[in-house]
Amino acid sequence: MLRDIRTNYQKSGLDENTLNKDPFAQFNCWLKEAIDGKGLDPTAMILSTIDQNGNPESRVVLLKEFTSDGLVFFTNYNSKKGRQIAVNHNVSVVFFWAETERQVRIKGIAQKISESDSEAYYLSRPLESQLGAWASPQSQIINSREVLDQNYSQYLQYFQSKEMKKPPYWGGFLIRPQYFEFWQGRENRLHDRIEFQLQDQGWTIKRLSP
């Protein structure tokens, strides 16, 4: 039964005295530990955007860069998420790492990165991924799977005699964080939750009840 499925988290704790006072550094530490733990897709994050009617939409994307500016992911700008971000720049992401029993929630403002940076990343991707970006009219209705396969074959043939380039509708978004919440699973559902909120004077740190 679904009601009987539960995990009693007990691997670690989260204490204000050992927490890094810089949320970027704290996130980078947890991300590195998740990657080193060799769990499935440690860079996967659930991205939530808001549609034109104010309804949230969520999906999984992959974090491709994390710097002092924020988090970078790539997508088709004509996709649902791309169109929604163009109208409402407020987004949130969630990371969950089962191996370390940790979750991080981040809220921020999304903006396009430069064309040159998008181009550089695109050209670093495997050929199959490059062709996939051309072949897929992301989020649009198509008649069948064969449409994708035919598009892929056509672009494969096309770029055998042409220099590969990035589709004009494809690129990266930078999320500039304004909020972090670090969650560490604990026994008896008394989890540790510590939030960082960006204020004029810097980051404020508060503990939340689970």
Protein backbone atom coordinates (compact mmCIF):
# COMPACT_ATOMS: atom_id res chain seq x y z
CA MET A 1 0.00 0.00 0.00
CA LEU A 2 1.16 3.52 -0.76
CA ARG A 3 0.45 4.60 2.82
CA ASP A 4 2.93 2.04 4.11
CA ILE A 5 5.88 3.31 2.04
CA ARG A 6 8.20 5.45 4.13
CA THR A 7 11.89 5.99 4.80
CA ASN A 8 13.36 6.82 8.18
CA TYR A 9 16.16 9.23 7.32
CA GLN A 10 19.16 9.06 9.62
CA LYS A 11 22.37 9.59 7.65
CA SER A 12 23.20 13.11 8.78
CA GLY A 13 22.06 16.38 10.33
CA LEU A 14 22.20 20.07 9.42
CA ASP A 15 23.46 22.48 12.05
CA GLU A 16 23.71 26.27 11.89
CA ASN A 17 27.16 26.14 13.51
CA THR A 18 28.64 24.07 10.67
CA LEU A 19 26.49 25.40 7.82
CA ASN A 20 28.35 27.60 5.35
CA LYS A 21 27.00 31.14 5.65
CA ASP A 22 27.25 31.50 1.86
CA PRO A 23 24.35 29.53 0.29
CA PHE A 24 26.24 29.23 -3.00
CA ALA A 25 29.15 27.53 -1.22
CA GLN A 26 26.79 25.31 0.78
CA PHE A 27 24.94 24.25 -2.37
CA ASN A 28 28.19 23.60 -4.21
CA CYS A 29 29.35 21.36 -1.35
CA TRP A 30 26.14 19.31 -1.37
CA LEU A 31 26.15 19.10 -5.17
CA LYS A 32 29.73 17.80 -5.16
CA GLU A 33 28.85 15.19 -2.54
CA ALA A 34 25.84 14.11 -4.62
CA ILE A 35 28.03 13.76 -7.72
CA ASP A 36 30.74 11.91 -5.81
CA GLY A 37 28.05 9.57 -4.45
CA LYS A 38 27.42 8.42 -8.03
CA GLY A 39 23.65 8.49 -7.70
CA LEU A 40 21.42 8.59 -10.78
CA ASP A 41 21.47 12.03 -12.47
CA PRO A 42 22.72 14.15 -9.53
CA THR A 43 22.40 17.28 -11.69
CA ALA A 44 18.70 16.66 -12.38
CA MET A 45 16.46 19.43 -11.05
CA ILE A 46 12.71 19.96 -11.13
CA LEU A 47 12.09 23.31 -12.77
CA SER A 48 8.76 25.06 -12.14
CA THR A 49 7.46 27.95 -14.23
CA ILE A 50 4.15 29.83 -14.39
CA ASP A 51 1.89 29.79 -17.44
CA GLN A 52 -0.18 32.71 -18.76
CA ASN A 53 -3.12 31.73 -16.52
CA GLY A 54 -1.03 31.69 -13.36
CA ASN A 55 -0.83 27.90 -13.19
CA PRO A 56 2.48 26.23 -12.27
CA GLU A 57 4.14 23.68 -14.55
CA SER A 58 7.05 21.46 -13.52
CA ARG A 59 9.48 19.22 -15.35
CA VAL A 60 12.97 17.80 -14.92
CA VAL A 61 15.92 19.55 -16.58
CA LEU A 62 19.66 19.15 -16.10
CA LEU A 63 21.92 21.66 -14.39
CA LYS A 64 24.85 22.32 -16.73
CA GLU A 65 26.74 25.04 -14.89
CA PHE A 66 26.82 26.54 -11.40
CA THR A 67 28.75 29.75 -10.77
CA SER A 68 28.68 32.74 -8.45
CA ASP A 69 25.93 34.13 -10.70
CA GLY A 70 23.62 31.15 -10.43
CA LEU A 71 22.42 28.00 -12.19
CA VAL A 72 22.47 27.42 -15.94
CA PHE A 73 20.35 25.00 -17.96
CA PHE A 74 19.68 24.74 -21.70
CA THR A 75 16.47 24.31 -23.66
CA ASN A 76 14.48 25.18 -26.73
CA TYR A 77 13.33 28.79 -26.21
CA ASN A 78 10.10 27.95 -28.07
CA SER A 79 9.23 25.18 -25.59
CA LYS A 80 6.54 25.69 -22.98
CA LYS A 81 9.08 26.55 -20.29
CA GLY A 82 10.91 28.91 -22.64
CA ARG A 83 7.73 30.78 -23.55
CA GLN A 84 6.59 30.91 -19.93
CA ILE A 85 9.92 32.31 -18.72
CA ALA A 86 9.73 34.97 -21.42
CA VAL A 87 6.50 36.22 -19.80
CA ASN A 88 7.27 35.51 -16.13
CA HIS A 89 10.93 35.36 -15.12
CA ASN A 90 10.19 33.95 -11.64
CA VAL A 91 11.10 30.26 -11.41
CA SER A 92 11.92 27.65 -8.80
CA VAL A 93 13.98 24.47 -8.88
CA VAL A 94 14.22 21.47 -6.57
CA PHE A 95 17.07 18.98 -6.23
CA PHE A 96 16.51 15.69 -4.39
CA TRP A 97 19.43 13.39 -3.67
CA ALA A 98 18.15 10.15 -2.16
CA GLU A 99 21.64 8.81 -1.54
CA THR A 100 22.50 11.64 0.85
CA GLU A 101 18.89 12.15 2.03
CA ARG A 102 18.98 15.80 1.01
CA GLN A 103 16.81 18.29 -0.84
CA VAL A 104 17.51 21.85 -1.96
CA ARG A 105 14.83 24.32 -3.06
CA ILE A 106 15.92 27.42 -4.97
CA LYS A 107 13.81 30.36 -6.16
CA GLY A 108 15.12 33.04 -8.48
CA ILE A 109 14.94 35.06 -11.67
CA ALA A 110 15.67 33.39 -15.01
CA GLN A 111 17.26 35.21 -17.93
CA LYS A 112 18.82 34.15 -21.21
CA ILE A 113 22.59 33.76 -21.31
CA SER A 114 24.62 35.19 -24.19
CA GLU A 115 24.39 33.69 -27.65
CA SER A 116 28.14 33.08 -27.64
CA ASP A 117 27.95 31.05 -24.42
CA SER A 118 24.98 29.07 -25.74
CA GLU A 119 26.82 28.43 -28.99
CA ALA A 120 29.95 27.26 -27.18
CA TYR A 121 28.01 24.78 -25.07
CA TYR A 122 25.93 23.55 -28.00
CA LEU A 123 29.01 22.76 -30.07
CA SER A 124 30.48 20.82 -27.13
CA ARG A 125 27.52 18.40 -27.10
CA PRO A 126 27.54 14.97 -28.75
CA LEU A 127 26.47 15.04 -32.40
CA GLU A 128 23.30 13.09 -31.58
CA SER A 129 22.23 15.75 -29.08
CA GLN A 130 23.00 18.53 -31.54
CA LEU A 131 20.84 16.88 -34.19
CA GLY A 132 18.08 16.25 -31.66
CA ALA A 133 17.81 19.97 -30.98
CA TRP A 134 17.20 20.58 -34.69
CA ALA A 135 14.85 17.63 -35.09
CA SER A 136 12.47 18.31 -32.21
CA PRO A 137 9.91 21.16 -32.30
CA GLN A 138 9.78 20.94 -28.53
CA SER A 139 6.34 21.12 -26.87
CA GLN A 140 4.54 21.25 -30.21
CA ILE A 141 1.93 18.64 -31.16
CA ILE A 142 3.19 16.10 -33.71
CA ASN A 143 1.31 13.32 -35.49
CA SER A 144 3.62 10.43 -34.62
CA ARG A 145 7.05 9.32 -33.46
CA GLU A 146 7.96 8.94 -37.12
CA VAL A 147 7.96 12.75 -37.45
CA LEU A 148 10.90 12.96 -35.07
CA ASP A 149 12.74 10.08 -36.70
CA GLN A 150 12.28 11.59 -40.15
CA ASN A 151 13.40 15.03 -38.96
CA TYR A 152 16.47 13.49 -37.34
CA SER A 153 17.40 11.60 -40.52
CA GLN A 154 16.98 14.72 -42.64
CA TYR A 155 19.20 16.83 -40.40
CA LEU A 156 21.76 14.03 -40.16
CA GLN A 157 22.01 14.04 -43.93
CA TYR A 158 21.98 17.84 -44.13
CA PHE A 159 24.85 18.35 -41.70
CA GLN A 160 27.03 15.77 -43.41
CA SER A 161 27.83 18.49 -45.94
CA LYS A 162 27.26 21.57 -43.77
CA GLU A 163 29.07 22.98 -40.77
CA MET A 164 27.15 22.32 -37.55
CA LYS A 165 25.60 25.39 -35.94
CA LYS A 166 23.22 26.06 -33.07
CA PRO A 167 19.51 26.46 -33.83
CA PRO A 168 18.53 30.12 -33.34
CA TYR A 169 15.73 29.07 -30.97
CA TRP A 170 17.96 27.05 -28.63
CA GLY A 171 20.09 28.28 -25.73
CA GLY A 172 20.69 28.66 -22.05
CA PHE A 173 18.95 30.28 -19.11
CA LEU A 174 20.69 31.58 -16.00
CA ILE A 175 18.70 31.42 -12.77
CA ARG A 176 19.87 34.08 -10.31
CA PRO A 177 18.90 32.73 -6.86
CA GLN A 178 17.07 34.87 -4.33
CA TYR A 179 16.15 32.02 -1.99
CA PHE A 180 17.67 28.70 -0.91
CA GLU A 181 16.24 26.08 1.40
CA PHE A 182 18.48 23.23 2.53
CA TRP A 183 16.67 20.12 3.77
CA GLN A 184 18.35 17.22 5.51
CA GLY A 185 16.26 14.17 6.28
CA ARG A 186 16.19 13.19 9.95
CA GLU A 187 14.61 10.50 12.10
CA ASN A 188 10.91 10.59 13.06
CA ARG A 189 10.15 13.13 10.33
CA LEU A 190 11.88 15.86 12.38
CA HIS A 191 13.90 16.99 9.40
CA ASP A 192 16.36 19.89 9.39
CA ARG A 193 15.31 22.83 7.21
CA ILE A 194 17.37 26.00 6.93
CA GLU A 195 16.48 28.82 4.56
CA PHE A 196 18.50 31.68 3.08
CA GLN A 197 16.66 34.76 1.83
CA LEU A 198 18.38 37.52 -0.12
CA GLN A 199 17.82 40.93 1.46
CA ASP A 200 19.34 44.35 0.82
CA GLN A 201 21.99 43.70 3.45
CA GLY A 202 22.79 40.21 2.24
CA TRP A 203 21.55 36.71 3.06
CA THR A 204 19.41 36.09 6.14
CA ILE A 205 19.48 32.59 7.65
CA LYS A 206 16.55 31.01 9.52
CA ARG A 207 15.62 27.52 10.68
CA LEU A 208 12.20 26.22 9.67
CA SER A 209 10.13 23.63 11.47
CA PRO A 210 9.65 20.47 9.41
